[in-house]
Amino acid sequence: MFRTQLAICVIATAAFAQSAPITSKGGMVVSVSPPATDVGLAILKRGGNAVDAAIAVGFAEAVTWPEAGNIGGGGFMLVWPGEGKKPAVIDYREMAPAAATKEMFAKGVSYQDIRTAGVPGTARGFEMAHKKFGKLPWKELVQPAVKLAGKGFPVTAGLAGRMNTVLNDKKTMNEEFRRVYSKADKSEWKAGDTMQLPDLAKTLNAIAENGADAFYSGNLAELYATEMKASGGIGTAEDLKNYKAVEREPMVGTYRGHEILACPPPSSGGTTLFTILNILENYEVKKHPWASPETAHLVAEAQRRAYCDRALYLGDPAFTKIPGDLATKEHAKKLAAGIDITKATISETLAPELKIEPAGDNTTHFSVVDKDGMAVSNTYTLENAFGCRVVVRGAGYILNNEMTDFNGKPGITTRLGGIGTEPNTIAPGKRMLSSMCPVIVLKDGKPILVTGSPGGRTIINTVLTVILNTIDYGAGVQSAVDAPRQHHQWFPDLIAMEDHPGIDETIKALKILGHTVVKRKQGDAHSIGIDPKTGLRTAGVDHRLDGAGKGE
């Protein structure tokens, strides 16, 4: 159809300099935060397992990665305990407060409005994971984060830039946020500075000494309720008391002889990812290079259809009846039959029953494998960077703005990407639909890839890119992580592609087919590749952000 251009290895290495691979025969941790990676590795060396290390990394990132690491948000942890053992998903997604209403954001809402804060789930989720899989005492897993917050940690150039940006933004109105995260002399942050968070240290220490109950009851719950009332929020101490994490069975899919574990709703990750992969399994993807026009068109058409299904059908399964065939091979074949390899589909034609109105984030992922082979893929979030930019006074943690993940304007779906379909509308106690997509890929019953990503609705397609480059193109984990990504989410009706050599030629070819294409970077995907024969672990460190991978 078109002239193909660059082999995957050229595309991948041109964008990001390749360093010597980080490998280990023992445990390995890969995360966006170097201090948190160090914490996780220390837990593994102390005899902790992958879940222990993941919990320690999660609490540490609540200190060292404040734009997304959290105890004021929520997420999903996917655990593969080892051969012959049952994997699990720990769903600690935030919930809508009891006072939430379906139409509360119908007239719009600012992302910095405290009413967008869902009831946090992180501490309860980590507690559930620890009770089921943990090995070391809980206190030992939280204390490293207490130390980082109390004694301080070195600020990287990247964190300094992001902190300065949010503090200089006039939309950052919360005085406590500015007090907690500004330097004592009010000068700008720079690389090498030390950041101390004493209130957060006290909160984490309470959690270390008394478990998750310390966060969901007593003094910390009172501080939460007081902040909500003072800042115009709707959350209460009773909402915290009533929050529960949920253990779910992972979704299991297959792709070209590989087994893939992912999260079920209220994560849309598994269903949407499997729909795309099932469509692509009907085609010989590797016939053309990754990021070539042919591959980009085919992948975009699969993404378009899967994201349409996501909008039409997915939500919290406790509130929404979800069709049982969405992630099946049979459903994918029906969707694939509508793809024309010679032209782009118009997104509106995929859901003619909807009235489409005219045009008018921040998450983080980490991957852990221990010496015995237990694997953890964890993604958690505050939604936008720094959540709603409100710090709970006296408690030192940032609140999420996860309520914006609900379909806030019921009945209004727009060409710009606003979704108004019923399954994900707001209701008290409901978990908002998520795009988080922690994944573990297995071959012959053994993990070969642990991956995931931040980035809102781009998350699923970032994970897709890593998987396709691993399975279809045979790339090593670092090259698969480095490979340029593309994203289509049904609406807006466009392909977002990361810049790479040859992209201008690809864009010209895609425009001939009727696509609109923009250049845009996607989120990071800190991953671990595992050789099923030797057991050698290789870090896939995403150099789009600070990132660090270390092995025992």
Protein backbone atom coordinates (compact mmCIF):
# COMPACT_ATOMS: atom_id res chain seq x y z
CA MET A 1 0.00 0.00 0.00
CA PHE A 2 2.82 2.42 0.90
CA ARG A 3 6.56 2.48 0.89
CA THR A 4 7.70 1.17 4.24
CA GLN A 5 10.58 2.84 5.92
CA LEU A 6 12.33 2.13 9.18
CA ALA A 7 12.96 -1.07 11.07
CA ILE A 8 11.81 -1.07 14.65
CA CYS A 9 15.32 -1.02 16.12
CA VAL A 10 16.13 2.15 14.19
CA ILE A 11 12.90 3.85 15.19
CA ALA A 12 13.33 2.94 18.84
CA THR A 13 16.96 3.86 19.25
CA ALA A 14 16.73 7.13 17.35
CA ALA A 15 14.39 8.67 19.91
CA PHE A 16 16.11 7.54 23.10
CA ALA A 17 19.78 6.81 23.65
CA GLN A 18 20.39 3.17 24.49
CA SER A 19 22.47 2.44 27.58
CA ALA A 20 23.77 -0.92 28.71
CA PRO A 21 20.83 -3.11 29.70
CA ILE A 22 20.05 -3.41 33.40
CA THR A 23 19.74 -7.12 34.16
CA SER A 24 19.43 -9.37 37.18
CA LYS A 25 18.92 -13.03 38.01
CA GLY A 26 17.27 -11.95 41.25
CA GLY A 27 14.59 -9.41 42.08
CA MET A 28 14.05 -6.22 40.11
CA VAL A 29 12.19 -2.94 40.56
CA VAL A 30 11.47 -0.39 37.83
CA SER A 31 9.67 2.86 38.65
CA VAL A 32 9.53 6.51 37.73
CA SER A 33 11.24 7.57 40.98
CA PRO A 34 14.88 6.64 41.72
CA PRO A 35 14.48 6.93 45.52
CA ALA A 36 11.36 4.76 45.42
CA THR A 37 13.14 2.18 43.26
CA ASP A 38 15.92 2.09 45.89
CA VAL A 39 13.31 1.51 48.61
CA GLY A 40 11.74 -1.38 46.72
CA LEU A 41 15.10 -3.01 46.03
CA ALA A 42 16.07 -2.73 49.70
CA ILE A 43 12.87 -4.54 50.67
CA LEU A 44 13.68 -7.36 48.24
CA LYS A 45 17.20 -7.65 49.64
CA ARG A 46 15.74 -7.83 53.14
CA GLY A 47 13.79 -10.93 52.13
CA GLY A 48 10.53 -9.30 51.15
CA ASN A 49 8.58 -10.53 48.16
CA ALA A 50 7.33 -8.57 45.14
CA VAL A 51 4.14 -7.45 46.89
CA ASP A 52 6.12 -6.20 49.89
CA ALA A 53 8.40 -4.25 47.54
CA ALA A 54 5.46 -2.87 45.56
CA ILE A 55 3.77 -1.59 48.72
CA ALA A 56 7.02 0.05 49.85
CA VAL A 57 7.50 1.65 46.42
CA GLY A 58 3.90 2.89 46.46
CA PHE A 59 4.25 4.59 49.84
CA ALA A 60 7.66 6.00 48.88
CA GLU A 61 6.29 7.51 45.67
CA ALA A 62 3.61 9.24 47.77
CA VAL A 63 6.58 11.26 49.02
CA THR A 64 9.01 11.45 46.11
CA TRP A 65 6.58 11.63 43.16
CA PRO A 66 3.90 14.02 44.46
CA GLU A 67 2.20 14.62 41.11
CA ALA A 68 0.92 11.03 41.04
CA GLY A 69 2.34 8.88 43.84
CA ASN A 70 -0.20 8.99 46.59
CA ILE A 71 -2.14 7.97 49.64
CA GLY A 72 -4.88 10.41 48.58
CA GLY A 73 -5.77 8.56 45.35
CA GLY A 74 -6.24 4.98 44.21
CA GLY A 75 -5.44 2.37 41.59
CA PHE A 76 -5.04 -1.29 40.71
CA MET A 77 -2.45 -3.89 41.67
CA LEU A 78 -2.09 -7.03 39.53
CA VAL A 79 -0.29 -9.90 41.28
CA TRP A 80 1.07 -13.09 39.73
CA PRO A 81 2.12 -15.12 42.80
CA GLY A 82 3.96 -17.84 40.88
CA GLU A 83 3.34 -21.02 38.95
CA GLY A 84 0.41 -23.04 40.25
CA LYS A 85 -0.90 -20.15 42.36
CA LYS A 86 -3.95 -18.00 41.69
CA PRO A 87 -3.28 -14.46 40.42
CA ALA A 88 -5.33 -11.56 41.75
CA VAL A 89 -6.27 -7.96 41.10
CA ILE A 90 -6.49 -5.65 44.09
CA ASP A 91 -8.96 -2.92 43.10
CA TYR A 92 -8.37 0.15 45.26
CA ARG A 93 -9.99 2.60 42.86
CA GLU A 94 -11.50 5.70 44.44
CA MET A 95 -15.26 5.87 45.05
CA ALA A 96 -17.77 8.71 44.80
CA PRO A 97 -18.76 10.19 48.19
CA ALA A 98 -22.26 9.52 49.49
CA ALA A 99 -23.30 13.09 48.67
CA ALA A 100 -22.35 12.79 44.98
CA THR A 101 -25.10 13.28 42.39
CA LYS A 102 -25.41 12.36 38.73
CA GLU A 103 -25.73 15.96 37.54
CA MET A 104 -23.26 17.62 39.91
CA PHE A 105 -20.81 18.47 37.09
CA ALA A 106 -23.39 18.90 34.31
CA LYS A 107 -22.52 22.60 34.00
CA GLY A 108 -18.79 21.90 34.10
CA VAL A 109 -16.22 21.89 36.87
CA SER A 110 -12.65 23.03 37.43
CA TYR A 111 -10.06 20.31 37.85
CA GLN A 112 -8.88 22.22 40.94
CA ASP A 113 -12.33 22.00 42.59
CA ILE A 114 -12.18 19.86 45.74
CA ARG A 115 -15.61 18.43 44.83
CA THR A 116 -13.74 16.37 42.21
CA ALA A 117 -11.99 14.38 44.96
CA GLY A 118 -13.10 10.76 45.21
CA VAL A 119 -12.73 8.77 48.43
CA PRO A 120 -9.06 7.59 48.50
CA GLY A 121 -8.30 3.89 48.27
CA THR A 122 -4.51 3.45 48.27
CA ALA A 123 -3.91 2.57 51.92
CA ARG A 124 -6.80 0.07 52.00
CA GLY A 125 -5.62 -1.51 48.75
CA PHE A 126 -2.05 -1.92 49.94
CA GLU A 127 -3.37 -3.36 53.20
CA MET A 128 -5.46 -5.95 51.32
CA ALA A 129 -2.49 -6.92 49.14
CA HIS A 130 -0.28 -7.27 52.21
CA LYS A 131 -2.76 -9.44 54.11
CA LYS A 132 -3.13 -11.77 51.13
CA PHE A 133 0.44 -11.91 49.80
CA GLY A 134 2.81 -9.99 52.08
CA LYS A 135 5.79 -11.51 53.84
CA LEU A 136 7.53 -8.79 55.86
CA PRO A 137 5.79 -6.86 58.66
CA TRP A 138 3.63 -3.96 57.46
CA LYS A 139 5.59 -1.39 59.48
CA GLU A 140 8.82 -2.26 57.67
CA LEU A 141 7.18 -1.47 54.33
CA VAL A 142 5.91 1.99 55.31
CA GLN A 143 8.85 3.23 57.40
CA PRO A 144 11.14 3.98 54.40
CA ALA A 145 8.51 6.45 53.16
CA VAL A 146 8.31 7.97 56.67
CA LYS A 147 12.06 8.50 56.59
CA LEU A 148 12.00 10.04 53.10
CA ALA A 149 9.28 12.49 54.11
CA GLY A 150 10.79 13.37 57.49
CA LYS A 151 14.50 13.61 56.71
CA GLY A 152 13.97 14.70 53.12
CA PHE A 153 15.02 13.47 49.71
CA PRO A 154 16.99 15.00 46.82
CA VAL A 155 14.96 16.84 44.21
CA THR A 156 15.69 15.90 40.60
CA ALA A 157 15.78 18.44 37.78
CA GLY A 158 12.51 17.00 36.46
CA LEU A 159 10.71 17.26 39.79
CA ALA A 160 12.08 20.78 40.33
CA GLY A 161 10.66 21.88 36.97
CA ARG A 162 7.26 20.32 37.63
CA MET A 163 7.02 21.78 41.14
CA ASN A 164 7.97 25.24 39.90
CA THR A 165 5.37 25.01 37.15
CA VAL A 166 2.50 24.08 39.47
CA LEU A 167 3.52 26.60 42.13
CA ASN A 168 3.72 29.39 39.56
CA ASP A 169 0.32 28.47 38.12
CA LYS A 170 -2.40 30.90 39.24
CA LYS A 171 -4.86 27.99 39.22
CA THR A 172 -3.05 26.53 42.23
CA MET A 173 -5.19 28.32 44.81
CA ASN A 174 -4.92 26.08 47.88
CA GLU A 175 -2.78 27.85 50.48
CA GLU A 176 -1.82 24.61 52.21
CA PHE A 177 -0.55 23.12 48.95
CA ARG A 178 1.63 26.20 48.46
CA ARG A 179 2.85 26.12 52.06
CA VAL A 180 3.73 22.42 52.01
CA TYR A 181 5.43 22.32 48.61
CA SER A 182 7.16 25.72 48.50
CA LYS A 183 10.74 26.16 49.64
CA ALA A 184 11.16 27.88 52.99
CA ASP A 185 12.74 30.94 51.33
CA LYS A 186 10.09 30.92 48.53
CA SER A 187 12.78 30.58 45.86
CA GLU A 188 12.33 28.17 42.95
CA TRP A 189 13.23 24.53 43.32
CA LYS A 190 16.40 23.33 41.64
CA ALA A 191 18.12 19.97 41.20
CA GLY A 192 19.92 18.89 44.34
CA ASP A 193 17.62 20.69 46.78
CA THR A 194 16.22 18.64 49.66
CA MET A 195 12.44 18.40 50.01
CA GLN A 196 11.04 17.65 53.47
CA LEU A 197 7.36 16.89 54.15
CA PRO A 198 6.96 16.68 57.96
CA ASP A 199 3.14 16.51 58.05
CA LEU A 200 3.14 13.70 55.51
CA ALA A 201 5.81 11.94 57.59
CA LYS A 202 3.48 12.01 60.62
CA THR A 203 0.59 10.64 58.56
CA LEU A 204 2.69 7.85 57.11
CA ASN A 205 4.07 7.03 60.54
CA ALA A 206 0.53 6.65 61.87
CA ILE A 207 -0.22 4.26 59.00
CA ALA A 208 3.01 2.37 59.71
CA GLU A 209 2.19 1.97 63.42
CA ASN A 210 -1.56 1.34 63.21
CA GLY A 211 -2.25 0.08 59.69
CA ALA A 212 -4.67 1.49 57.14
CA ASP A 213 -7.28 2.08 59.87
CA ALA A 214 -5.20 5.08 60.95
CA PHE A 215 -6.02 6.74 57.63
CA TYR A 216 -9.70 5.80 57.50
CA SER A 217 -10.69 6.63 61.09
CA GLY A 218 -9.66 8.71 64.07
CA ASN A 219 -7.67 11.92 63.83
CA LEU A 220 -6.72 11.57 60.14
CA ALA A 221 -10.36 11.02 59.15
CA GLU A 222 -11.30 14.12 61.13
CA LEU A 223 -8.63 16.15 59.31
CA TYR A 224 -10.02 14.89 55.98
CA ALA A 225 -13.58 15.85 56.92
CA THR A 226 -12.46 19.25 58.21
CA GLU A 227 -10.59 19.99 54.98
CA MET A 228 -13.59 18.96 52.90
CA LYS A 229 -15.91 21.25 54.84
CA ALA A 230 -13.50 24.18 54.85
CA SER A 231 -12.71 23.95 51.12
CA GLY A 232 -16.22 23.22 49.84
CA GLY A 233 -15.90 19.48 49.28
CA ILE A 234 -18.52 16.80 49.77
CA GLY A 235 -16.46 13.99 51.35
CA THR A 236 -16.99 13.02 54.98
CA ALA A 237 -15.34 10.92 57.67
CA GLU A 238 -18.17 8.42 57.12
CA ASP A 239 -17.13 8.10 53.45
CA LEU A 240 -13.62 7.14 54.58
CA LYS A 241 -14.99 4.67 57.12
CA ASN A 242 -17.13 2.98 54.46
CA TYR A 243 -14.41 2.67 51.80
CA LYS A 244 -13.49 -0.91 50.86
CA ALA A 245 -10.87 -2.29 48.48
CA VAL A 246 -12.02 -5.24 46.36
CA GLU A 247 -10.18 -8.37 45.28
CA ARG A 248 -11.10 -9.34 41.71
CA GLU A 249 -10.11 -12.11 39.35
CA PRO A 250 -7.83 -10.88 36.56
CA MET A 251 -9.10 -10.89 33.01
CA VAL A 252 -7.22 -13.48 30.96
CA GLY A 253 -6.70 -13.05 27.23
CA THR A 254 -4.48 -14.58 24.58
CA TYR A 255 -2.49 -13.11 21.73
CA ARG A 256 -0.42 -15.19 19.30
CA GLY A 257 0.29 -17.98 21.78
CA HIS A 258 0.81 -15.71 24.78
CA GLU A 259 -1.43 -15.42 27.84
CA ILE A 260 -2.12 -11.92 29.11
CA LEU A 261 -3.38 -10.96 32.57
CA ALA A 262 -5.09 -7.60 32.98
CA CYS A 263 -7.64 -5.78 35.14
CA PRO A 264 -11.42 -6.08 34.78
CA PRO A 265 -13.92 -3.22 35.22
CA PRO A 266 -14.03 -0.69 36.75
CA SER A 267 -10.73 -0.62 34.89
CA SER A 268 -11.40 -0.41 31.17
CA GLY A 269 -7.81 -1.55 30.59
CA GLY A 270 -8.29 -5.29 30.18
CA THR A 271 -11.45 -5.18 28.08
CA THR A 272 -10.20 -2.47 25.73
CA LEU A 273 -6.71 -3.93 25.39
CA PHE A 274 -8.06 -7.41 24.63
CA THR A 275 -10.49 -6.02 22.06
CA ILE A 276 -7.64 -4.31 20.20
CA LEU A 277 -5.39 -7.37 20.38
CA ASN A 278 -8.20 -9.69 19.27
CA ILE A 279 -8.87 -7.48 16.24
CA LEU A 280 -5.18 -7.32 15.34
CA GLU A 281 -4.83 -11.09 15.62
CA ASN A 282 -6.84 -11.27 12.37
CA TYR A 283 -3.97 -9.50 10.56
CA GLU A 284 -0.27 -10.10 10.03
CA VAL A 285 0.88 -7.05 11.95
CA LYS A 286 4.61 -7.69 11.54
CA LYS A 287 4.27 -7.71 7.75
CA HIS A 288 5.11 -4.01 7.90
CA PRO A 289 7.49 -2.19 10.29
CA TRP A 290 6.18 -0.67 13.49
CA ALA A 291 5.11 2.97 12.95
CA SER A 292 4.86 2.48 9.19
CA PRO A 293 1.70 3.88 7.54
CA GLU A 294 0.26 0.40 7.04
CA THR A 295 0.68 -0.62 10.67
CA ALA A 296 -0.38 2.79 12.01
CA HIS A 297 -3.62 2.68 10.00
CA LEU A 298 -4.49 -0.86 11.07
CA VAL A 299 -3.73 -0.24 14.75
CA ALA A 300 -5.69 3.03 14.74
CA GLU A 301 -8.75 1.31 13.28
CA ALA A 302 -8.59 -1.36 15.98
CA GLN A 303 -8.13 1.28 18.69
CA ARG A 304 -11.04 3.33 17.34
CA ARG A 305 -13.46 0.39 17.63
CA ALA A 306 -12.28 -0.75 21.06
CA TYR A 307 -12.57 2.75 22.52
CA CYS A 308 -16.07 3.08 21.08
CA ASP A 309 -17.02 -0.09 22.98
CA ARG A 310 -15.39 1.39 26.07
CA ALA A 311 -17.60 4.47 25.89
CA LEU A 312 -20.78 2.57 25.16
CA TYR A 313 -20.61 -0.26 27.67
CA LEU A 314 -18.02 0.02 30.46
CA GLY A 315 -18.44 1.24 34.03
CA ASP A 316 -18.43 0.01 37.62
CA PRO A 317 -19.79 -3.57 37.44
CA ALA A 318 -21.62 -3.02 40.74
CA PHE A 319 -23.78 -0.42 38.96
CA THR A 320 -23.63 -1.39 35.28
CA LYS A 321 -24.47 -4.62 33.44
CA ILE A 322 -21.56 -5.11 31.04
CA PRO A 323 -22.00 -7.33 27.95
CA GLY A 324 -20.11 -10.57 28.39
CA ASP A 325 -18.75 -10.84 24.86
CA LEU A 326 -16.77 -7.58 24.57
CA ALA A 327 -13.32 -9.14 25.03
CA THR A 328 -14.00 -12.26 22.95
CA LYS A 329 -12.40 -13.33 19.66
CA GLU A 330 -15.86 -13.61 18.08
CA HIS A 331 -16.77 -10.01 18.87
CA ALA A 332 -13.40 -8.84 17.57
CA LYS A 333 -13.94 -10.62 14.25
CA LYS A 334 -17.19 -8.70 13.78
CA LEU A 335 -15.39 -5.44 14.50
CA ALA A 336 -12.48 -6.34 12.23
CA ALA A 337 -14.91 -7.01 9.38
CA GLY A 338 -15.73 -3.32 9.30
CA ILE A 339 -12.14 -2.18 8.79
CA ASP A 340 -11.19 -0.91 5.35
CA ILE A 341 -7.42 -1.04 4.89
CA THR A 342 -7.66 1.64 2.18
CA LYS A 343 -9.41 4.39 4.15
CA ALA A 344 -10.13 5.67 7.62
CA THR A 345 -13.45 4.99 9.32
CA ILE A 346 -15.45 8.03 10.43
CA SER A 347 -15.79 7.58 14.20
CA GLU A 348 -19.41 8.78 14.33
CA THR A 349 -20.53 5.89 12.13
CA LEU A 350 -19.55 3.36 14.83
CA ALA A 351 -22.27 4.58 17.21
CA PRO A 352 -25.10 6.00 15.09
CA GLU A 353 -27.49 5.73 18.05
CA LEU A 354 -25.61 8.50 19.88
CA LYS A 355 -26.06 12.19 19.25
CA ILE A 356 -22.51 13.48 18.89
CA GLU A 357 -22.23 17.14 19.81
CA PRO A 358 -20.00 19.46 17.73
CA ALA A 359 -16.66 20.67 19.11
CA GLY A 360 -17.42 23.54 21.38
CA ASP A 361 -3.08 13.68 33.86
CA ASN A 362 -1.39 12.22 36.20
CA THR A 363 -0.79 8.57 37.02
CA THR A 364 2.27 6.46 37.65
CA HIS A 365 3.16 2.82 37.12
CA PHE A 366 5.81 0.53 38.57
CA SER A 367 6.78 -3.09 37.99
CA VAL A 368 8.37 -5.54 40.46
CA VAL A 369 9.62 -9.11 40.19
CA ASP A 370 11.20 -10.97 43.11
CA LYS A 371 13.86 -13.70 43.12
CA ASP A 372 11.21 -16.44 43.30
CA GLY A 373 9.32 -15.14 40.27
CA MET A 374 6.37 -13.40 41.92
CA ALA A 375 5.43 -10.43 39.72
CA VAL A 376 3.50 -7.24 40.50
CA SER A 377 2.22 -4.67 38.04
CA ASN A 378 0.82 -1.62 39.84
CA THR A 379 -0.74 1.55 38.50
CA TYR A 380 -2.14 4.26 40.77
CA THR A 381 -3.15 7.86 40.34
CA LEU A 382 -4.33 11.27 41.50
CA GLU A 383 -5.89 11.78 38.02
CA ASN A 384 -4.41 15.13 36.90
CA ALA A 385 -0.89 16.07 37.98
CA PHE A 386 -1.08 16.88 41.70
CA GLY A 387 -4.77 15.92 41.74
CA CYS A 388 -7.06 18.81 42.67
CA ARG A 389 -4.02 20.60 44.16
CA VAL A 390 -5.48 20.54 47.66
CA VAL A 391 -3.38 19.32 50.61
CA VAL A 392 -5.28 18.14 53.68
CA ARG A 393 -4.21 20.53 56.44
CA GLY A 394 -2.27 18.79 59.16
CA ALA A 395 -2.08 15.52 57.22
CA GLY A 396 0.23 16.62 54.41
CA TYR A 397 -1.19 14.54 51.53
CA ILE A 398 -2.65 15.66 48.20
CA LEU A 399 -6.24 14.87 47.28
CA ASN A 400 -7.14 13.37 43.91
CA ASN A 401 -9.54 14.84 41.35
CA GLU A 402 -10.69 11.43 40.18
CA MET A 403 -14.39 12.33 40.03
CA THR A 404 -13.59 13.95 36.67
CA ASP A 405 -13.19 10.41 35.30
CA PHE A 406 -16.95 9.98 35.53
CA ASN A 407 -19.08 11.06 32.57
CA GLY A 408 -19.99 14.36 34.17
CA LYS A 409 -22.36 15.60 31.47
CA PRO A 410 -24.90 12.79 31.00
CA GLY A 411 -26.14 12.42 27.45
CA ILE A 412 -23.50 14.69 25.94
CA THR A 413 -20.77 13.02 23.89
CA THR A 414 -18.59 15.44 21.94
CA ARG A 415 -16.22 15.26 19.01
CA LEU A 416 -13.53 16.60 21.33
CA GLY A 417 -13.66 13.44 23.43
CA GLY A 418 -16.18 14.23 26.14
CA ILE A 419 -18.21 11.09 26.89
CA GLY A 420 -21.76 11.26 28.21
CA THR A 421 -22.90 7.65 28.01
CA GLU A 422 -24.85 6.14 30.92
CA PRO A 423 -22.57 3.34 32.24
CA ASN A 424 -20.03 5.75 33.75
CA THR A 425 -22.29 8.48 35.14
CA ILE A 426 -21.88 9.58 38.77
CA ALA A 427 -23.60 7.77 41.65
CA PRO A 428 -22.86 7.60 45.40
CA GLY A 429 -20.40 4.82 46.24
CA LYS A 430 -19.63 4.15 42.58
CA ARG A 431 -16.11 3.62 41.26
CA MET A 432 -15.32 5.79 38.26
CA LEU A 433 -14.21 4.05 35.06
CA SER A 434 -10.44 3.90 34.75
CA SER A 435 -8.01 3.46 31.87
CA MET A 436 -5.33 2.03 34.15
CA CYS A 437 -3.93 -1.12 32.59
CA PRO A 438 -1.33 -3.00 34.64
CA VAL A 439 -0.46 -6.13 32.65
CA ILE A 440 1.55 -9.32 32.99
CA VAL A 441 2.28 -11.32 29.82
CA LEU A 442 3.05 -15.05 30.08
CA LYS A 443 4.50 -17.56 27.65
CA ASP A 444 4.14 -21.27 28.43
CA GLY A 445 2.88 -20.37 31.90
CA LYS A 446 5.83 -18.12 32.81
CA PRO A 447 5.90 -14.29 32.92
CA ILE A 448 7.92 -12.65 30.16
CA LEU A 449 6.72 -9.06 30.54
CA VAL A 450 5.44 -6.86 33.38
CA THR A 451 4.23 -3.49 32.15
CA GLY A 452 1.79 -0.61 32.53
CA SER A 453 1.64 3.15 32.08
CA PRO A 454 0.16 6.49 33.16
CA GLY A 455 -1.52 8.89 30.76
CA GLY A 456 -5.33 8.89 31.00
CA ARG A 457 -6.98 7.26 28.01
CA THR A 458 -3.57 6.86 26.32
CA ILE A 459 -2.58 4.27 28.96
CA ILE A 460 -4.10 1.31 27.15
CA ASN A 461 -2.45 2.20 23.86
CA THR A 462 0.95 2.72 25.51
CA VAL A 463 0.69 -0.78 27.00
CA LEU A 464 -0.47 -2.04 23.60
CA THR A 465 2.67 -0.63 21.96
CA VAL A 466 4.95 -2.41 24.43
CA ILE A 467 3.09 -5.70 23.95
CA LEU A 468 2.99 -5.54 20.14
CA ASN A 469 6.67 -4.68 19.90
CA THR A 470 7.50 -7.52 22.28
CA ILE A 471 5.32 -10.22 20.67
CA ASP A 472 4.97 -9.26 17.01
CA TYR A 473 8.37 -7.67 16.44
CA GLY A 474 10.49 -9.62 18.92
CA ALA A 475 11.92 -6.49 20.51
CA GLY A 476 13.73 -6.60 23.84
CA VAL A 477 11.95 -4.87 26.68
CA GLN A 478 14.02 -1.66 26.48
CA SER A 479 13.44 -1.31 22.73
CA ALA A 480 9.73 -2.09 23.21
CA VAL A 481 9.49 0.66 25.83
CA ASP A 482 11.47 3.10 23.67
CA ALA A 483 9.39 2.48 20.52
CA PRO A 484 7.25 5.45 19.41
CA ARG A 485 3.61 5.19 20.38
CA GLN A 486 0.33 6.04 18.75
CA HIS A 487 -3.09 6.67 20.21
CA HIS A 488 -6.66 6.75 18.93
CA GLN A 489 -9.55 6.91 21.40
CA TRP A 490 -12.59 7.12 19.07
CA PHE A 491 -13.14 10.83 19.87
CA PRO A 492 -11.47 13.13 19.10
CA ASP A 493 -11.28 11.45 15.68
CA LEU A 494 -7.51 11.66 15.25
CA ILE A 495 -4.30 9.69 15.66
CA ALA A 496 -1.76 11.06 18.13
CA MET A 497 1.74 9.83 17.29
CA GLU A 498 5.05 10.28 19.05
CA ASP A 499 7.73 11.94 16.97
CA HIS A 500 10.28 9.65 15.33
CA PRO A 501 12.42 9.49 12.18
CA GLY A 502 10.13 9.06 9.18
CA ILE A 503 7.00 10.33 10.91
CA ASP A 504 6.36 13.08 8.36
CA GLU A 505 6.21 10.52 5.55
CA THR A 506 3.89 8.36 7.66
CA ILE A 507 1.60 11.32 8.41
CA LYS A 508 1.34 12.21 4.72
CA ALA A 509 0.34 8.65 3.89
CA LEU A 510 -2.22 8.50 6.70
CA LYS A 511 -3.79 11.78 5.61
CA ILE A 512 -4.34 10.29 2.15
CA LEU A 513 -6.38 7.57 3.87
CA GLY A 514 -8.50 10.23 5.59
CA HIS A 515 -6.86 10.33 9.04
CA THR A 516 -6.12 13.44 11.03
CA VAL A 517 -2.75 13.08 12.75
CA VAL A 518 -1.04 15.13 15.46
CA LYS A 519 2.37 14.72 17.07
CA ARG A 520 2.08 14.15 20.80
CA LYS A 521 4.12 12.41 23.48
CA GLN A 522 2.53 9.64 25.57
CA GLY A 523 3.12 8.44 29.13
CA ASP A 524 6.01 6.37 30.41
CA ALA A 525 5.91 2.58 30.73
CA HIS A 526 8.36 1.26 33.31
CA SER A 527 8.53 -2.43 32.54
CA ILE A 528 10.43 -5.65 33.23
CA GLY A 529 11.22 -8.29 30.62
CA ILE A 530 11.92 -11.87 31.75
CA ASP A 531 13.65 -14.58 29.75
CA PRO A 532 11.45 -17.66 30.38
CA LYS A 533 14.38 -20.03 29.79
CA THR A 534 17.12 -18.40 31.89
CA GLY A 535 15.00 -16.31 34.26
CA LEU A 536 17.16 -13.26 33.49
CA ARG A 537 15.26 -10.04 34.24
CA THR A 538 15.87 -6.92 32.15
CA ALA A 539 14.69 -3.45 33.13
CA GLY A 540 12.68 -1.48 30.59
CA VAL A 541 13.31 2.01 31.97
CA ASP A 542 11.28 4.68 30.22
CA HIS A 543 13.54 7.64 29.54
CA ARG A 544 10.60 9.91 28.79
CA LEU A 545 10.72 10.71 32.53
CA ASP A 546 13.25 10.41 35.37
CA GLY A 547 12.87 6.65 35.83
CA ALA A 548 15.13 4.04 37.42
CA GLY A 549 15.46 0.28 37.26
CA LYS A 550 17.60 -1.80 39.61
CA GLY A 551 18.09 -5.49 40.29
CA GLU A 552 19.51 -7.55 43.12
